[in-house]
Amino acid sequence: MKIGRDRVVCIDYTIRLASGQVVETSVGSEPLTYLQGRRQIVPGVEHAVDGLEAGASLEIVVPPDEAYGDRDPAGVFVVPRAAFPADEQVSAGMMFSAHRPDGKSLTFRVVEANDELVLVDTNHPLAGETLHISVVVHNVRLATPEELSHGRAQADAHAPQYLA
């Protein structure tokens, strides 16, 4: 069975920067299972694996516009330390989530912090990076009606077995 929209796909992947540094991998842990065509993985990978079958492997170079986008300088800004809970330690490298005035969730990383101000970065950590991604397709199957309804793959005993 070929990978196509609304198929449940199980892959192993490794993401490297141009320097060769591994930034993320599923190898040695649980493979990634997702619903193809639902924007659950970076677009460059989703496009590259479309039409492949179980057993396929590939190496792809994914530019920022097909991955996590370019870095947005406006995504780095200063907020008052008082915007954080008083009892919360705030230091460089910490990740936080907040809600914007429009109700959408916003995730950001602390770049610097002192007693009065906190410099935050809302860019994805891989924004602006060209990614070198290795992919191995393990399995492909049709999504269940429940998976289609929920818009995501279900990793449970009720899902049908994979079809090679």
N, C-alpha and C. Protein backbone atom coordinates (compact mmCIF):
# COMPACT_ATOMS: atom_id res chain seq x y z
N MET A 1 0.84 -1.18 0.00
CA MET A 1 0.00 0.00 0.00
C MET A 1 0.89 1.23 0.00
N LYS A 2 0.54 2.20 -0.82
CA LYS A 2 1.33 3.42 -0.95
C LYS A 2 0.84 4.49 0.03
N ILE A 3 1.78 5.32 0.43
CA ILE A 3 1.45 6.46 1.29
C ILE A 3 0.64 7.44 0.47
N GLY A 4 -0.48 7.87 1.03
CA GLY A 4 -1.35 8.86 0.40
C GLY A 4 -2.20 9.50 1.48
N ARG A 5 -2.96 10.48 1.10
CA ARG A 5 -3.81 11.21 2.05
C ARG A 5 -4.69 10.24 2.83
N ASP A 6 -4.77 10.49 4.13
CA ASP A 6 -5.59 9.72 5.06
C ASP A 6 -5.14 8.28 5.25
N ARG A 7 -3.87 8.01 4.98
CA ARG A 7 -3.28 6.72 5.33
C ARG A 7 -2.50 6.92 6.62
N VAL A 8 -2.50 5.92 7.46
CA VAL A 8 -1.71 5.95 8.68
C VAL A 8 -0.33 5.43 8.33
N VAL A 9 0.68 6.21 8.64
CA VAL A 9 2.05 5.91 8.26
C VAL A 9 2.91 5.80 9.52
N CYS A 10 3.77 4.80 9.54
CA CYS A 10 4.69 4.58 10.65
C CYS A 10 6.11 4.69 10.09
N ILE A 11 6.88 5.67 10.61
CA ILE A 11 8.24 5.90 10.11
C ILE A 11 9.23 6.05 11.27
N ASP A 12 10.48 5.79 10.95
CA ASP A 12 11.59 6.21 11.80
C ASP A 12 12.23 7.37 11.05
N TYR A 13 12.77 8.33 11.80
CA TYR A 13 13.39 9.49 11.17
C TYR A 13 14.56 9.97 12.01
N THR A 14 15.47 10.65 11.37
CA THR A 14 16.56 11.35 12.04
C THR A 14 16.71 12.71 11.37
N ILE A 15 16.70 13.75 12.19
CA ILE A 15 16.86 15.12 11.68
C ILE A 15 18.26 15.61 12.06
N ARG A 16 18.98 16.06 11.02
CA ARG A 16 20.32 16.61 11.23
C ARG A 16 20.37 18.03 10.67
N LEU A 17 21.23 18.84 11.27
CA LEU A 17 21.52 20.16 10.72
C LEU A 17 22.58 20.01 9.63
N ALA A 18 22.84 21.07 8.89
CA ALA A 18 23.85 21.02 7.83
C ALA A 18 25.21 20.60 8.38
N SER A 19 25.48 20.91 9.64
CA SER A 19 26.75 20.54 10.28
C SER A 19 26.86 19.04 10.55
N GLY A 20 25.73 18.33 10.43
CA GLY A 20 25.71 16.90 10.73
C GLY A 20 25.19 16.61 12.13
N GLN A 21 25.02 17.64 12.95
CA GLN A 21 24.52 17.47 14.32
C GLN A 21 23.10 16.90 14.29
N VAL A 22 22.89 15.79 15.02
CA VAL A 22 21.56 15.20 15.14
C VAL A 22 20.78 16.02 16.16
N VAL A 23 19.61 16.53 15.73
CA VAL A 23 18.78 17.32 16.64
C VAL A 23 17.56 16.54 17.14
N GLU A 24 17.18 15.50 16.40
CA GLU A 24 16.04 14.69 16.84
C GLU A 24 16.06 13.38 16.06
N THR A 25 15.69 12.30 16.75
CA THR A 25 15.57 11.01 16.07
C THR A 25 14.56 10.13 16.79
N SER A 26 13.91 9.28 16.03
CA SER A 26 13.01 8.29 16.63
C SER A 26 13.71 6.94 16.72
N VAL A 27 14.88 6.82 16.08
CA VAL A 27 15.62 5.56 16.07
C VAL A 27 16.03 5.21 17.50
N GLY A 28 15.72 3.99 17.91
CA GLY A 28 16.02 3.55 19.26
C GLY A 28 14.89 3.81 20.24
N SER A 29 13.82 4.43 19.76
CA SER A 29 12.63 4.62 20.59
C SER A 29 11.40 4.30 19.73
N GLU A 30 10.27 4.86 20.05
CA GLU A 30 9.05 4.59 19.29
C GLU A 30 9.09 5.28 17.93
N PRO A 31 8.77 4.57 16.86
CA PRO A 31 8.65 5.24 15.56
C PRO A 31 7.50 6.25 15.60
N LEU A 32 7.50 7.15 14.67
CA LEU A 32 6.44 8.15 14.56
C LEU A 32 5.30 7.57 13.73
N THR A 33 4.10 7.64 14.27
CA THR A 33 2.90 7.21 13.53
C THR A 33 2.02 8.43 13.37
N TYR A 34 1.63 8.71 12.14
CA TYR A 34 0.85 9.93 11.86
C TYR A 34 -0.13 9.68 10.73
N LEU A 35 -1.02 10.62 10.52
CA LEU A 35 -2.03 10.57 9.47
C LEU A 35 -1.56 11.46 8.32
N GLN A 36 -1.24 10.85 7.18
CA GLN A 36 -0.70 11.56 6.03
C GLN A 36 -1.72 12.55 5.47
N GLY A 37 -1.22 13.72 5.06
CA GLY A 37 -2.07 14.73 4.43
C GLY A 37 -2.80 15.62 5.41
N ARG A 38 -2.47 15.53 6.68
CA ARG A 38 -3.16 16.32 7.72
C ARG A 38 -2.22 17.30 8.42
N ARG A 39 -1.07 17.58 7.78
CA ARG A 39 -0.10 18.56 8.30
C ARG A 39 0.38 18.21 9.71
N GLN A 40 0.63 16.94 9.95
CA GLN A 40 1.10 16.50 11.26
C GLN A 40 2.62 16.36 11.30
N ILE A 41 3.26 16.46 10.15
CA ILE A 41 4.72 16.47 10.06
C ILE A 41 5.10 17.63 9.16
N VAL A 42 6.38 17.96 9.10
CA VAL A 42 6.78 19.10 8.27
C VAL A 42 6.42 18.84 6.81
N PRO A 43 5.96 19.88 6.11
CA PRO A 43 5.50 19.70 4.73
C PRO A 43 6.52 19.05 3.80
N GLY A 44 7.79 19.40 3.94
CA GLY A 44 8.82 18.84 3.05
C GLY A 44 8.92 17.33 3.16
N VAL A 45 8.76 16.81 4.37
CA VAL A 45 8.81 15.35 4.57
C VAL A 45 7.51 14.73 4.07
N GLU A 46 6.39 15.35 4.38
CA GLU A 46 5.10 14.81 3.96
C GLU A 46 5.05 14.69 2.43
N HIS A 47 5.54 15.71 1.72
CA HIS A 47 5.56 15.65 0.25
C HIS A 47 6.52 14.58 -0.25
N ALA A 48 7.68 14.47 0.39
CA ALA A 48 8.71 13.53 -0.08
C ALA A 48 8.29 12.07 0.08
N VAL A 49 7.53 11.74 1.13
CA VAL A 49 7.17 10.34 1.35
C VAL A 49 5.89 9.94 0.62
N ASP A 50 5.15 10.91 0.11
CA ASP A 50 3.90 10.60 -0.59
C ASP A 50 4.18 9.65 -1.74
N GLY A 51 3.46 8.54 -1.78
CA GLY A 51 3.61 7.54 -2.84
C GLY A 51 4.58 6.42 -2.51
N LEU A 52 5.32 6.55 -1.40
CA LEU A 52 6.24 5.48 -1.01
C LEU A 52 5.47 4.34 -0.35
N GLU A 53 6.14 3.19 -0.23
CA GLU A 53 5.55 2.01 0.40
C GLU A 53 6.42 1.57 1.57
N ALA A 54 5.88 0.67 2.39
CA ALA A 54 6.64 0.11 3.51
C ALA A 54 7.95 -0.45 2.99
N GLY A 55 9.02 -0.21 3.73
CA GLY A 55 10.35 -0.67 3.35
C GLY A 55 11.18 0.39 2.66
N ALA A 56 10.54 1.44 2.19
CA ALA A 56 11.28 2.51 1.50
C ALA A 56 12.10 3.31 2.51
N SER A 57 13.21 3.84 2.03
CA SER A 57 14.00 4.76 2.85
C SER A 57 14.49 5.87 1.94
N LEU A 58 14.70 7.04 2.51
CA LEU A 58 15.19 8.14 1.72
C LEU A 58 15.90 9.16 2.59
N GLU A 59 16.71 9.96 1.94
CA GLU A 59 17.41 11.09 2.54
C GLU A 59 16.85 12.32 1.85
N ILE A 60 16.40 13.30 2.64
CA ILE A 60 15.84 14.51 2.05
C ILE A 60 16.49 15.73 2.66
N VAL A 61 16.63 16.76 1.86
CA VAL A 61 17.09 18.06 2.34
C VAL A 61 15.86 18.95 2.29
N VAL A 62 15.50 19.47 3.46
CA VAL A 62 14.27 20.26 3.58
C VAL A 62 14.63 21.70 3.93
N PRO A 63 14.37 22.64 3.00
CA PRO A 63 14.66 24.04 3.28
C PRO A 63 13.69 24.60 4.33
N PRO A 64 14.05 25.72 4.96
CA PRO A 64 13.20 26.28 6.01
C PRO A 64 11.74 26.47 5.61
N ASP A 65 11.48 26.91 4.37
CA ASP A 65 10.09 27.17 3.99
C ASP A 65 9.26 25.89 3.87
N GLU A 66 9.90 24.72 3.86
CA GLU A 66 9.19 23.44 3.84
C GLU A 66 9.32 22.72 5.19
N ALA A 67 9.89 23.43 6.18
CA ALA A 67 10.08 22.84 7.51
C ALA A 67 9.43 23.74 8.55
N TYR A 68 10.24 24.48 9.30
CA TYR A 68 9.72 25.30 10.39
C TYR A 68 9.73 26.79 10.07
N GLY A 69 9.94 27.13 8.81
CA GLY A 69 9.90 28.52 8.39
C GLY A 69 11.19 29.26 8.69
N ASP A 70 11.23 30.50 8.22
CA ASP A 70 12.37 31.35 8.49
C ASP A 70 12.23 31.93 9.89
N ARG A 71 13.35 32.34 10.46
CA ARG A 71 13.30 33.01 11.76
C ARG A 71 12.65 34.37 11.57
N ASP A 72 11.77 34.72 12.50
CA ASP A 72 11.10 36.01 12.47
C ASP A 72 11.70 36.87 13.58
N PRO A 73 12.42 37.93 13.22
CA PRO A 73 13.02 38.78 14.25
C PRO A 73 11.99 39.35 15.22
N ALA A 74 10.76 39.55 14.75
CA ALA A 74 9.71 40.08 15.62
C ALA A 74 9.28 39.05 16.67
N GLY A 75 9.71 37.79 16.48
CA GLY A 75 9.37 36.74 17.44
C GLY A 75 10.27 36.74 18.67
N VAL A 76 11.24 37.65 18.69
CA VAL A 76 12.14 37.79 19.84
C VAL A 76 11.84 39.14 20.47
N PHE A 77 11.40 39.11 21.73
CA PHE A 77 11.02 40.37 22.39
C PHE A 77 11.13 40.24 23.90
N VAL A 78 11.04 41.38 24.56
CA VAL A 78 11.18 41.46 26.01
C VAL A 78 9.80 41.56 26.65
N VAL A 79 9.61 40.81 27.74
CA VAL A 79 8.38 40.91 28.53
C VAL A 79 8.79 41.17 29.99
N PRO A 80 7.91 41.81 30.74
CA PRO A 80 8.23 42.03 32.15
C PRO A 80 8.29 40.72 32.92
N ARG A 81 9.21 40.62 33.85
CA ARG A 81 9.31 39.42 34.69
C ARG A 81 8.00 39.18 35.42
N ALA A 82 7.27 40.26 35.71
CA ALA A 82 6.00 40.17 36.42
C ALA A 82 4.93 39.42 35.62
N ALA A 83 5.16 39.21 34.31
CA ALA A 83 4.20 38.46 33.49
C ALA A 83 4.26 36.97 33.80
N PHE A 84 5.28 36.52 34.52
CA PHE A 84 5.44 35.12 34.91
C PHE A 84 5.01 34.95 36.35
N PRO A 85 4.56 33.77 36.73
CA PRO A 85 4.21 33.54 38.13
C PRO A 85 5.40 33.87 39.04
N ALA A 86 5.12 34.54 40.14
CA ALA A 86 6.19 34.98 41.05
C ALA A 86 7.00 33.82 41.60
N ASP A 87 6.35 32.68 41.82
CA ASP A 87 7.05 31.53 42.40
C ASP A 87 7.74 30.65 41.35
N GLU A 88 7.65 31.03 40.08
CA GLU A 88 8.24 30.25 38.98
C GLU A 88 9.67 30.73 38.71
N GLN A 89 10.61 29.79 38.74
CA GLN A 89 11.98 30.12 38.35
C GLN A 89 11.98 30.32 36.84
N VAL A 90 12.62 31.39 36.37
CA VAL A 90 12.68 31.68 34.95
C VAL A 90 14.15 31.84 34.58
N SER A 91 14.63 30.93 33.70
CA SER A 91 16.03 31.01 33.28
C SER A 91 16.18 30.63 31.82
N ALA A 92 17.31 30.99 31.24
CA ALA A 92 17.59 30.74 29.83
C ALA A 92 17.40 29.27 29.49
N GLY A 93 16.73 29.05 28.34
CA GLY A 93 16.51 27.69 27.85
C GLY A 93 15.16 27.11 28.24
N MET A 94 14.50 27.69 29.23
CA MET A 94 13.20 27.16 29.65
C MET A 94 12.15 27.43 28.58
N MET A 95 11.21 26.51 28.47
CA MET A 95 10.10 26.65 27.53
C MET A 95 8.82 26.91 28.30
N PHE A 96 7.98 27.80 27.77
CA PHE A 96 6.70 28.13 28.39
C PHE A 96 5.63 28.19 27.32
N SER A 97 4.40 28.04 27.75
CA SER A 97 3.24 28.25 26.89
C SER A 97 2.37 29.32 27.51
N ALA A 98 1.76 30.10 26.66
CA ALA A 98 0.86 31.15 27.13
C ALA A 98 -0.26 31.29 26.10
N HIS A 99 -1.26 32.06 26.44
CA HIS A 99 -2.34 32.33 25.50
C HIS A 99 -2.26 33.78 25.06
N ARG A 100 -2.34 33.96 23.75
CA ARG A 100 -2.35 35.31 23.19
C ARG A 100 -3.71 35.94 23.46
N PRO A 101 -3.83 37.25 23.27
CA PRO A 101 -5.12 37.91 23.46
C PRO A 101 -6.24 37.33 22.60
N ASP A 102 -5.88 36.76 21.42
CA ASP A 102 -6.91 36.16 20.55
C ASP A 102 -7.26 34.73 20.96
N GLY A 103 -6.64 34.24 22.07
CA GLY A 103 -6.96 32.92 22.59
C GLY A 103 -6.08 31.79 22.08
N LYS A 104 -5.27 32.07 21.06
CA LYS A 104 -4.39 31.03 20.52
C LYS A 104 -3.23 30.79 21.47
N SER A 105 -2.76 29.54 21.47
CA SER A 105 -1.63 29.16 22.31
C SER A 105 -0.32 29.61 21.67
N LEU A 106 0.62 30.00 22.51
CA LEU A 106 1.92 30.48 22.05
C LEU A 106 2.99 29.80 22.90
N THR A 107 3.94 29.14 22.24
CA THR A 107 5.05 28.51 22.95
C THR A 107 6.29 29.35 22.70
N PHE A 108 7.08 29.54 23.75
CA PHE A 108 8.29 30.34 23.60
C PHE A 108 9.39 29.82 24.51
N ARG A 109 10.62 30.21 24.14
CA ARG A 109 11.81 29.83 24.89
C ARG A 109 12.40 31.08 25.51
N VAL A 110 12.86 30.96 26.75
CA VAL A 110 13.52 32.06 27.43
C VAL A 110 14.96 32.14 26.93
N VAL A 111 15.36 33.32 26.46
CA VAL A 111 16.73 33.54 25.99
C VAL A 111 17.59 34.07 27.13
N GLU A 112 17.07 35.06 27.84
CA GLU A 112 17.74 35.66 29.00
C GLU A 112 16.68 36.09 29.98
N ALA A 113 17.06 36.14 31.25
CA ALA A 113 16.11 36.60 32.27
C ALA A 113 16.87 37.25 33.43
N ASN A 114 16.27 38.29 33.98
CA ASN A 114 16.77 38.87 35.23
C ASN A 114 15.56 39.18 36.11
N ASP A 115 15.74 39.89 37.17
CA ASP A 115 14.63 40.15 38.10
C ASP A 115 13.55 41.04 37.52
N GLU A 116 13.85 41.79 36.46
CA GLU A 116 12.88 42.74 35.92
C GLU A 116 12.36 42.38 34.53
N LEU A 117 13.24 41.82 33.67
CA LEU A 117 12.87 41.57 32.28
C LEU A 117 13.23 40.16 31.84
N VAL A 118 12.46 39.67 30.85
CA VAL A 118 12.71 38.35 30.27
C VAL A 118 12.71 38.50 28.76
N LEU A 119 13.81 38.07 28.13
CA LEU A 119 13.90 38.06 26.67
C LEU A 119 13.41 36.69 26.21
N VAL A 120 12.37 36.68 25.36
CA VAL A 120 11.79 35.42 24.90
C VAL A 120 11.90 35.31 23.38
N ASP A 121 11.85 34.08 22.90
CA ASP A 121 11.91 33.79 21.46
C ASP A 121 10.76 32.84 21.13
N THR A 122 9.84 33.31 20.28
CA THR A 122 8.68 32.49 19.90
C THR A 122 8.94 31.67 18.64
N ASN A 123 10.11 31.84 18.02
CA ASN A 123 10.45 31.05 16.84
C ASN A 123 10.66 29.60 17.24
N HIS A 124 10.29 28.68 16.36
CA HIS A 124 10.59 27.27 16.60
C HIS A 124 12.11 27.15 16.66
N PRO A 125 12.64 26.28 17.53
CA PRO A 125 14.10 26.14 17.62
C PRO A 125 14.79 25.79 16.30
N LEU A 126 14.07 25.18 15.36
CA LEU A 126 14.65 24.82 14.08
C LEU A 126 14.28 25.79 12.95
N ALA A 127 13.63 26.91 13.30
CA ALA A 127 13.29 27.91 12.29
C ALA A 127 14.56 28.44 11.66
N GLY A 128 14.52 28.61 10.35
CA GLY A 128 15.67 29.14 9.63
C GLY A 128 16.70 28.09 9.26
N GLU A 129 16.52 26.87 9.70
CA GLU A 129 17.49 25.80 9.44
C GLU A 129 17.08 24.96 8.23
N THR A 130 18.07 24.60 7.41
CA THR A 130 17.87 23.60 6.37
C THR A 130 18.11 22.26 7.04
N LEU A 131 17.13 21.38 6.97
CA LEU A 131 17.19 20.10 7.67
C LEU A 131 17.56 18.97 6.72
N HIS A 132 18.39 18.08 7.20
CA HIS A 132 18.78 16.88 6.47
C HIS A 132 18.11 15.72 7.21
N ILE A 133 17.13 15.10 6.56
CA ILE A 133 16.29 14.13 7.25
C ILE A 133 16.37 12.77 6.59
N SER A 134 16.63 11.76 7.41
CA SER A 134 16.62 10.37 6.98
C SER A 134 15.27 9.78 7.40
N VAL A 135 14.62 9.08 6.48
CA VAL A 135 13.32 8.48 6.77
C VAL A 135 13.32 7.03 6.34
N VAL A 136 12.76 6.16 7.20
CA VAL A 136 12.53 4.76 6.86
C VAL A 136 11.05 4.51 7.09
N VAL A 137 10.35 4.07 6.05
CA VAL A 137 8.92 3.78 6.15
C VAL A 137 8.75 2.35 6.64
N HIS A 138 8.12 2.18 7.78
CA HIS A 138 7.90 0.84 8.32
C HIS A 138 6.58 0.24 7.84
N ASN A 139 5.51 1.02 7.96
CA ASN A 139 4.18 0.50 7.64
C ASN A 139 3.28 1.59 7.11
N VAL A 140 2.29 1.16 6.32
CA VAL A 140 1.27 2.05 5.79
C VAL A 140 -0.05 1.29 5.84
N ARG A 141 -1.11 1.94 6.32
CA ARG A 141 -2.42 1.30 6.34
C ARG A 141 -3.50 2.35 6.14
N LEU A 142 -4.70 1.87 5.84
CA LEU A 142 -5.85 2.77 5.75
C LEU A 142 -6.21 3.26 7.15
N ALA A 143 -6.64 4.49 7.24
CA ALA A 143 -7.09 5.03 8.52
C ALA A 143 -8.49 4.50 8.81
N THR A 144 -8.78 4.33 10.09
CA THR A 144 -10.13 3.92 10.49
C THR A 144 -11.07 5.12 10.41
N PRO A 145 -12.38 4.90 10.37
CA PRO A 145 -13.32 6.02 10.40
C PRO A 145 -13.11 6.91 11.64
N GLU A 146 -12.79 6.29 12.76
CA GLU A 146 -12.55 7.06 13.99
C GLU A 146 -11.32 7.95 13.84
N GLU A 147 -10.26 7.42 13.25
CA GLU A 147 -9.05 8.21 13.04
C GLU A 147 -9.33 9.39 12.11
N LEU A 148 -10.09 9.14 11.06
CA LEU A 148 -10.44 10.21 10.13
C LEU A 148 -11.28 11.27 10.83
N SER A 149 -12.19 10.84 11.67
CA SER A 149 -13.05 11.76 12.42
C SER A 149 -12.24 12.63 13.37
N HIS A 150 -11.27 12.01 14.07
CA HIS A 150 -10.45 12.75 15.04
C HIS A 150 -9.29 13.49 14.38
N GLY A 151 -8.97 13.11 13.15
CA GLY A 151 -7.89 13.77 12.43
C GLY A 151 -6.50 13.37 12.88
N ARG A 152 -6.38 12.20 13.52
CA ARG A 152 -5.06 11.73 13.95
C ARG A 152 -5.08 10.21 14.07
N ALA A 153 -3.88 9.63 13.96
CA ALA A 153 -3.73 8.18 14.07
C ALA A 153 -3.93 7.76 15.52
N GLN A 154 -4.54 6.62 15.69
CA GLN A 154 -4.75 6.06 17.03
C GLN A 154 -3.77 4.92 17.22
N ALA A 155 -3.01 4.97 18.27
CA ALA A 155 -2.06 3.88 18.56
C ALA A 155 -2.67 3.00 19.63
N ASP A 156 -3.69 2.25 19.25
CA ASP A 156 -4.32 1.36 20.23
C ASP A 156 -4.64 0.01 19.61
N ALA A 157 -5.11 -0.87 20.43
CA ALA A 157 -5.37 -2.25 19.99
C ALA A 157 -6.55 -2.33 19.03
N HIS A 158 -7.38 -1.29 18.95
CA HIS A 158 -8.57 -1.35 18.10
C HIS A 158 -8.26 -0.99 16.65
N ALA A 159 -7.10 -0.40 16.42
CA ALA A 159 -6.73 -0.03 15.05
C ALA A 159 -6.37 -1.29 14.28
N PRO A 160 -6.68 -1.35 12.99
CA PRO A 160 -6.37 -2.53 12.21
C PRO A 160 -4.86 -2.72 12.08
N GLN A 161 -4.44 -3.91 11.79
CA GLN A 161 -3.03 -4.20 11.61
C GLN A 161 -2.52 -3.49 10.36
N TYR A 162 -1.24 -3.20 10.35
CA TYR A 162 -0.64 -2.55 9.21
C TYR A 162 -0.62 -3.48 8.01
N LEU A 163 -0.74 -2.90 6.85
CA LEU A 163 -0.69 -3.64 5.60
C LEU A 163 0.58 -3.22 4.87
N ALA A 164 1.41 -4.18 4.54
CA ALA A 164 2.67 -3.84 3.84
C ALA A 164 2.38 -3.62 2.37
